[in-house]
C-alpha atoms as a PDB file:
ATOM      1  CA  UNK A   1       3.401 -15.754 -24.647  1.00  0.00           C
ATOM      2  CA  UNK A   2       1.488 -13.700 -22.057  1.00  0.00           C
ATOM      3  CA  UNK A   3       3.413 -11.405 -19.748  1.00  0.00           C
ATOM      4  CA  UNK A   4       4.263 -12.536 -16.260  1.00  0.00           C
ATOM      5  CA  UNK A   5       1.801 -11.198 -13.682  1.00  0.00           C
ATOM      6  CA  UNK A   6       3.376  -8.054 -12.254  1.00  0.00           C
ATOM      7  CA  UNK A   7       2.149  -8.865  -8.742  1.00  0.00           C
ATOM      8  CA  UNK A   8       3.842 -12.275  -8.870  1.00  0.00           C
ATOM      9  CA  UNK A   9       7.126 -10.786 -10.093  1.00  0.00           C
ATOM     10  CA  UNK A  10       7.198  -8.055  -7.443  1.00  0.00           C
ATOM     11  CA  UNK A  11       6.214 -10.479  -4.682  1.00  0.00           C
ATOM     12  CA  UNK A  12       9.030 -12.821  -5.755  1.00  0.00           C
ATOM     13  CA  UNK A  13      11.502  -9.898  -5.631  1.00  0.00           C
ATOM     14  CA  UNK A  14      10.324  -8.895  -2.139  1.00  0.00           C
ATOM     15  CA  UNK A  15      10.528 -12.465  -0.887  1.00  0.00           C
ATOM     16  CA  UNK A  16      14.105 -12.615  -2.241  1.00  0.00           C
ATOM     17  CA  UNK A  17      14.878  -9.572  -0.071  1.00  0.00           C
ATOM     18  CA  UNK A  18      13.185 -10.697   3.137  1.00  0.00           C
ATOM     19  CA  UNK A  19      13.161 -14.504   3.425  1.00  0.00           C
ATOM     20  CA  UNK A  20      15.518 -17.377   2.715  1.00  0.00           C
ATOM     21  CA  UNK A  21      15.401 -19.161  -0.622  1.00  0.00           C
ATOM     22  CA  UNK A  22      13.710 -22.316   0.706  1.00  0.00           C
ATOM     23  CA  UNK A  23      10.879 -20.274   2.235  1.00  0.00           C
ATOM     24  CA  UNK A  24      10.483 -18.252  -0.952  1.00  0.00           C
ATOM     25  CA  UNK A  25      10.349 -21.406  -3.078  1.00  0.00           C
ATOM     26  CA  UNK A  26       7.794 -23.018  -0.744  1.00  0.00           C
ATOM     27  CA  UNK A  27       5.595 -19.913  -0.813  1.00  0.00           C
ATOM     28  CA  UNK A  28       5.713 -19.536  -4.596  1.00  0.00           C
ATOM     29  CA  UNK A  29       5.475 -23.237  -5.519  1.00  0.00           C
ATOM     30  CA  UNK A  30       2.869 -23.683  -8.258  1.00  0.00           C
ATOM     31  CA  UNK A  31       1.879 -20.013  -8.240  1.00  0.00           C
ATOM     32  CA  UNK A  32       3.751 -18.913 -11.386  1.00  0.00           C
ATOM     33  CA  UNK A  33       1.067 -19.812 -13.935  1.00  0.00           C
ATOM     34  CA  UNK A  34      -0.822 -16.551 -13.406  1.00  0.00           C
ATOM     35  CA  UNK A  35      -0.346 -13.911 -16.135  1.00  0.00           C
ATOM     36  CA  UNK A  36      -1.229 -10.258 -16.643  1.00  0.00           C
ATOM     37  CA  UNK A  37      -3.924 -11.404 -19.092  1.00  0.00           C
ATOM     38  CA  UNK A  38      -5.448 -14.002 -16.758  1.00  0.00           C
ATOM     39  CA  UNK A  39      -9.155 -13.608 -15.985  1.00  0.00           C
ATOM     40  CA  UNK A  40     -10.027 -11.423 -12.963  1.00  0.00           C
ATOM     41  CA  UNK A  41     -11.367 -14.410 -11.012  1.00  0.00           C
ATOM     42  CA  UNK A  42      -8.088 -16.283 -11.513  1.00  0.00           C
ATOM     43  CA  UNK A  43      -6.111 -13.266 -10.277  1.00  0.00           C
ATOM     44  CA  UNK A  44      -8.318 -12.987  -7.200  1.00  0.00           C
ATOM     45  CA  UNK A  45      -7.939 -16.711  -6.456  1.00  0.00           C
ATOM     46  CA  UNK A  46      -4.179 -16.359  -6.857  1.00  0.00           C
ATOM     47  CA  UNK A  47      -4.150 -13.407  -4.436  1.00  0.00           C
ATOM     48  CA  UNK A  48      -6.288 -15.280  -1.871  1.00  0.00           C
ATOM     49  CA  UNK A  49      -3.990 -18.314  -1.984  1.00  0.00           C
ATOM     50  CA  UNK A  50      -0.806 -16.221  -1.825  1.00  0.00           C
ATOM     51  CA  UNK A  51      -2.072 -14.326   1.212  1.00  0.00           C
ATOM     52  CA  UNK A  52      -3.103 -17.584   2.896  1.00  0.00           C
ATOM     53  CA  UNK A  53       0.424 -18.894   2.343  1.00  0.00           C
ATOM     54  CA  UNK A  54       2.048 -15.699   3.603  1.00  0.00           C
ATOM     55  CA  UNK A  55      -0.231 -15.626   6.672  1.00  0.00           C
ATOM     56  CA  UNK A  56       0.507 -19.288   7.446  1.00  0.00           C
ATOM     57  CA  UNK A  57       4.268 -19.049   6.909  1.00  0.00           C
ATOM     58  CA  UNK A  58       5.602 -15.625   7.899  1.00  0.00           C
ATOM     59  CA  UNK A  59       5.331 -13.662  11.112  1.00  0.00           C
ATOM     60  CA  UNK A  60       3.276 -10.479  10.964  1.00  0.00           C
ATOM     61  CA  UNK A  61       6.238  -8.083  10.739  1.00  0.00           C
ATOM     62  CA  UNK A  62       7.753 -10.040   7.836  1.00  0.00           C
ATOM     63  CA  UNK A  63       4.421 -10.244   5.983  1.00  0.00           C
ATOM     64  CA  UNK A  64       3.949  -6.503   6.319  1.00  0.00           C
ATOM     65  CA  UNK A  65       7.487  -5.719   5.171  1.00  0.00           C
ATOM     66  CA  UNK A  66       7.116  -7.975   2.122  1.00  0.00           C
ATOM     67  CA  UNK A  67       3.721  -6.576   1.134  1.00  0.00           C
ATOM     68  CA  UNK A  68       4.645  -2.923   1.703  1.00  0.00           C
ATOM     69  CA  UNK A  69       7.518  -3.503  -0.715  1.00  0.00           C
ATOM     70  CA  UNK A  70       5.019  -4.765  -3.308  1.00  0.00           C
ATOM     71  CA  UNK A  71       3.446  -1.308  -3.629  1.00  0.00           C
ATOM     72  CA  UNK A  72       2.329  -0.521  -7.169  1.00  0.00           C
ATOM     73  CA  UNK A  73       3.520   3.080  -6.948  1.00  0.00           C
ATOM     74  CA  UNK A  74       6.391   4.254  -4.774  1.00  0.00           C
ATOM     75  CA  UNK A  75       7.377   7.881  -4.278  1.00  0.00           C
ATOM     76  CA  UNK A  76      11.028   8.715  -3.933  1.00  0.00           C
ATOM     77  CA  UNK A  77      13.156  11.624  -2.806  1.00  0.00           C
ATOM     78  CA  UNK A  78      12.667  13.422  -6.131  1.00  0.00           C
ATOM     79  CA  UNK A  79       8.914  12.767  -6.448  1.00  0.00           C
ATOM     80  CA  UNK A  80       6.436  15.617  -6.764  1.00  0.00           C
ATOM     81  CA  UNK A  81       5.235  14.784  -3.257  1.00  0.00           C
ATOM     82  CA  UNK A  82       8.656  14.936  -1.609  1.00  0.00           C
ATOM     83  CA  UNK A  83       9.565  18.170  -3.434  1.00  0.00           C
ATOM     84  CA  UNK A  84       6.250  19.826  -2.557  1.00  0.00           C
ATOM     85  CA  UNK A  85       6.449  18.787   1.088  1.00  0.00           C
ATOM     86  CA  UNK A  86       9.998  20.162   1.389  1.00  0.00           C
ATOM     87  CA  UNK A  87       8.805  23.440  -0.140  1.00  0.00           C
ATOM     88  CA  UNK A  88       5.902  23.659   2.316  1.00  0.00           C
ATOM     89  CA  UNK A  89       8.194  22.883   5.242  1.00  0.00           C
ATOM     90  CA  UNK A  90      10.537  25.737   4.282  1.00  0.00           C
ATOM     91  CA  UNK A  91       7.582  28.123   4.119  1.00  0.00           C
ATOM     92  CA  UNK A  92       6.010  27.077   7.441  1.00  0.00           C
ATOM     93  CA  UNK A  93       8.075  26.651  10.594  1.00  0.00           C
ATOM     94  CA  UNK A  94       5.035  26.116  12.835  1.00  0.00           C
ATOM     95  CA  UNK A  95       4.314  22.347  12.835  1.00  0.00           C
ATOM     96  CA  UNK A  96       0.564  22.781  13.283  1.00  0.00           C
ATOM     97  CA  UNK A  97       0.257  25.210  10.364  1.00  0.00           C
ATOM     98  CA  UNK A  98       2.550  22.999   8.285  1.00  0.00           C
ATOM     99  CA  UNK A  99       0.482  19.890   8.988  1.00  0.00           C
ATOM    100  CA  UNK A 100      -2.710  21.730   8.010  1.00  0.00           C
ATOM    101  CA  UNK A 101      -1.108  22.713   4.695  1.00  0.00           C
ATOM    102  CA  UNK A 102       0.155  19.168   4.139  1.00  0.00           C
ATOM    103  CA  UNK A 103      -3.368  17.810   4.599  1.00  0.00           C
ATOM    104  CA  UNK A 104      -4.793  20.441   2.232  1.00  0.00           C
ATOM    105  CA  UNK A 105      -2.089  19.684  -0.344  1.00  0.00           C
ATOM    106  CA  UNK A 106      -2.499  15.887  -0.188  1.00  0.00           C
ATOM    107  CA  UNK A 107      -6.286  16.148  -0.222  1.00  0.00           C
ATOM    108  CA  UNK A 108      -6.279  18.434  -3.254  1.00  0.00           C
ATOM    109  CA  UNK A 109      -3.454  17.033  -5.361  1.00  0.00           C
ATOM    110  CA  UNK A 110      -4.829  16.088  -8.753  1.00  0.00           C
ATOM    111  CA  UNK A 111      -4.514  14.076 -10.950  1.00  0.00           C
ATOM    112  CA  UNK A 112      -2.379  11.993  -8.591  1.00  0.00           C
ATOM    113  CA  UNK A 113      -4.935  11.642  -5.780  1.00  0.00           C
ATOM    114  CA  UNK A 114      -2.963   8.681  -4.477  1.00  0.00           C
ATOM    115  CA  UNK A 115      -3.536   9.804  -0.890  1.00  0.00           C
ATOM    116  CA  UNK A 116      -7.302   9.946  -1.428  1.00  0.00           C
ATOM    117  CA  UNK A 117      -9.528  12.010   0.805  1.00  0.00           C
ATOM    118  CA  UNK A 118      -7.154  13.363   3.445  1.00  0.00           C
ATOM    119  CA  UNK A 119      -8.278  14.873   6.742  1.00  0.00           C
ATOM    120  CA  UNK A 120      -6.682  15.659  10.061  1.00  0.00           C
ATOM    121  CA  UNK A 121      -7.855  14.930  13.580  1.00  0.00           C
ATOM    122  CA  UNK A 122      -5.307  16.289  16.054  1.00  0.00           C
ATOM    123  CA  UNK A 123      -2.003  14.559  15.345  1.00  0.00           C
ATOM    124  CA  UNK A 124      -3.638  11.853  13.220  1.00  0.00           C
ATOM    125  CA  UNK A 125      -3.942  12.056   9.433  1.00  0.00           C
ATOM    126  CA  UNK A 126      -6.781  10.057   7.890  1.00  0.00           C
ATOM    127  CA  UNK A 127      -6.589   8.871   4.279  1.00  0.00           C
ATOM    128  CA  UNK A 128      -9.600   7.280   2.620  1.00  0.00           C
ATOM    129  CA  UNK A 129      -8.415   6.012  -0.750  1.00  0.00           C
ATOM    130  CA  UNK A 130     -11.548   4.162  -1.803  1.00  0.00           C
ATOM    131  CA  UNK A 131     -15.233   3.787  -1.073  1.00  0.00           C
ATOM    132  CA  UNK A 132     -17.504   0.917  -2.143  1.00  0.00           C
ATOM    133  CA  UNK A 133     -15.102  -0.310  -4.860  1.00  0.00           C
ATOM    134  CA  UNK A 134     -11.623  -1.690  -4.247  1.00  0.00           C
ATOM    135  CA  UNK A 135      -9.009   0.368  -6.047  1.00  0.00           C
ATOM    136  CA  UNK A 136      -6.650  -2.569  -6.590  1.00  0.00           C
ATOM    137  CA  UNK A 137      -6.650  -3.486 -10.265  1.00  0.00           C
ATOM    138  CA  UNK A 138      -5.355  -6.971  -9.471  1.00  0.00           C
ATOM    139  CA  UNK A 139      -8.382  -8.113  -7.462  1.00  0.00           C
ATOM    140  CA  UNK A 140     -11.247  -5.622  -7.719  1.00  0.00           C
ATOM    141  CA  UNK A 141     -13.075  -7.330 -10.591  1.00  0.00           C
ATOM    142  CA  UNK A 142     -12.563 -10.908  -9.433  1.00  0.00           C
ATOM    143  CA  UNK A 143     -12.754 -10.794  -5.649  1.00  0.00           C
ATOM    144  CA  UNK A 144     -15.948 -12.462  -4.401  1.00  0.00           C
ATOM    145  CA  UNK A 145     -15.105 -12.784  -0.701  1.00  0.00           C
ATOM    146  CA  UNK A 146     -12.934 -10.843   1.736  1.00  0.00           C
ATOM    147  CA  UNK A 147      -9.199 -11.321   1.434  1.00  0.00           C
ATOM    148  CA  UNK A 148      -6.634 -11.208   4.234  1.00  0.00           C
ATOM    149  CA  UNK A 149      -5.567  -7.713   5.270  1.00  0.00           C
ATOM    150  CA  UNK A 150      -2.045  -8.826   4.349  1.00  0.00           C
ATOM    151  CA  UNK A 151      -2.973  -8.060   0.720  1.00  0.00           C
ATOM    152  CA  UNK A 152      -3.736  -4.420   1.513  1.00  0.00           C
ATOM    153  CA  UNK A 153      -0.321  -3.657   2.957  1.00  0.00           C
ATOM    154  CA  UNK A 154       0.845  -2.976  -0.613  1.00  0.00           C
ATOM    155  CA  UNK A 155      -1.531   0.025  -0.784  1.00  0.00           C
ATOM    156  CA  UNK A 156      -0.226   1.025   2.618  1.00  0.00           C
ATOM    157  CA  UNK A 157       3.290   0.892   1.150  1.00  0.00           C
ATOM    158  CA  UNK A 158       2.277   3.336  -1.587  1.00  0.00           C
ATOM    159  CA  UNK A 159       0.867   5.747   0.984  1.00  0.00           C
ATOM    160  CA  UNK A 160       3.874   5.374   3.277  1.00  0.00           C
ATOM    161  CA  UNK A 161       6.183   6.268   0.408  1.00  0.00           C
ATOM    162  CA  UNK A 162       4.485   9.686   0.395  1.00  0.00           C
ATOM    163  CA  UNK A 163       3.785  10.224   4.092  1.00  0.00           C
ATOM    164  CA  UNK A 164       7.347   9.514   5.213  1.00  0.00           C
ATOM    165  CA  UNK A 165       8.341  12.813   3.552  1.00  0.00           C
ATOM    166  CA  UNK A 166       5.938  14.858   5.694  1.00  0.00           C
ATOM    167  CA  UNK A 167       8.290  14.679   8.694  1.00  0.00           C
ATOM    168  CA  UNK A 168      11.393  12.839   7.422  1.00  0.00           C
ATOM    169  CA  UNK A 169      13.075  13.350  10.800  1.00  0.00           C
ATOM    170  CA  UNK A 170      10.284  11.425  12.599  1.00  0.00           C
ATOM    171  CA  UNK A 171       9.153   7.825  12.422  1.00  0.00           C
ATOM    172  CA  UNK A 172       6.045   7.551  10.274  1.00  0.00           C
ATOM    173  CA  UNK A 173       3.540   4.966  11.516  1.00  0.00           C
ATOM    174  CA  UNK A 174       0.510   3.933   9.506  1.00  0.00           C
ATOM    175  CA  UNK A 175      -2.339   1.609  10.399  1.00  0.00           C
ATOM    176  CA  UNK A 176      -5.038   0.091   8.255  1.00  0.00           C
ATOM    177  CA  UNK A 177      -8.438   0.930   9.742  1.00  0.00           C
ATOM    178  CA  UNK A 178     -10.522  -0.846   7.098  1.00  0.00           C
ATOM    179  CA  UNK A 179     -10.362  -1.887   3.461  1.00  0.00           C
ATOM    180  CA  UNK A 180     -12.937  -2.864   0.895  1.00  0.00           C
ATOM    181  CA  UNK A 181     -11.004  -5.988  -0.091  1.00  0.00           C
ATOM    182  CA  UNK A 182     -11.236  -7.252   3.502  1.00  0.00           C
ATOM    183  CA  UNK A 183     -14.973  -6.620   3.700  1.00  0.00           C
ATOM    184  CA  UNK A 184     -15.127  -2.970   4.779  1.00  0.00           C
ATOM    185  CA  UNK A 185     -17.013  -0.110   3.134  1.00  0.00           C
ATOM    186  CA  UNK A 186     -13.926   2.016   2.561  1.00  0.00           C
ATOM    187  CA  UNK A 187     -10.136   1.845   2.402  1.00  0.00           C
ATOM    188  CA  UNK A 188      -9.135   3.927   5.405  1.00  0.00           C
ATOM    189  CA  UNK A 189      -5.599   4.419   6.719  1.00  0.00           C
ATOM    190  CA  UNK A 190      -4.370   6.513   9.642  1.00  0.00           C
ATOM    191  CA  UNK A 191      -0.918   8.039   9.952  1.00  0.00           C
ATOM    192  CA  UNK A 192       0.937   9.332  13.001  1.00  0.00           C
ATOM    193  CA  UNK A 193       4.496  10.501  13.618  1.00  0.00           C
ATOM    194  CA  UNK A 194       6.773  10.050  16.598  1.00  0.00           C
END
């Protein structure tokens, strides 16, 4: 028997955390036939329908919370990112110098490169994690039309799991500027702290 589609399993877990059981069951009804080995077009259709259901059923804050929790890769307190950022912070007390080093570190970290091409413009950090081709393995080969931006909040969740360690004492805010899956030319996120 084929393995359950990871994106379905993680979405179900996040819905269990953020919505009541009846809402979860209504959202997932009939959507469990997708598998890891399903054709790319079937995965993309599944993603389109799931995002339509989430958009139609949940308020924006709930949709974002659910999708951010679906991130494929999450960094924790002991991740290479968190450890490196703490080390940099100890070395640099000046926030401006520290932020410049953070940007250089995140932009140059290989082979991880999860944060993509990272630049700074004042207090804003720009991350471009993809150009021309969607980086999401679940939809990139099968997507034939733009999907709801709700889908892309999982990539945002991966980035947030890194960026929250830049200034753990501040609130990290991230916005999606554009994504390839939603019809843009690049996947571009901006991060600020308050």
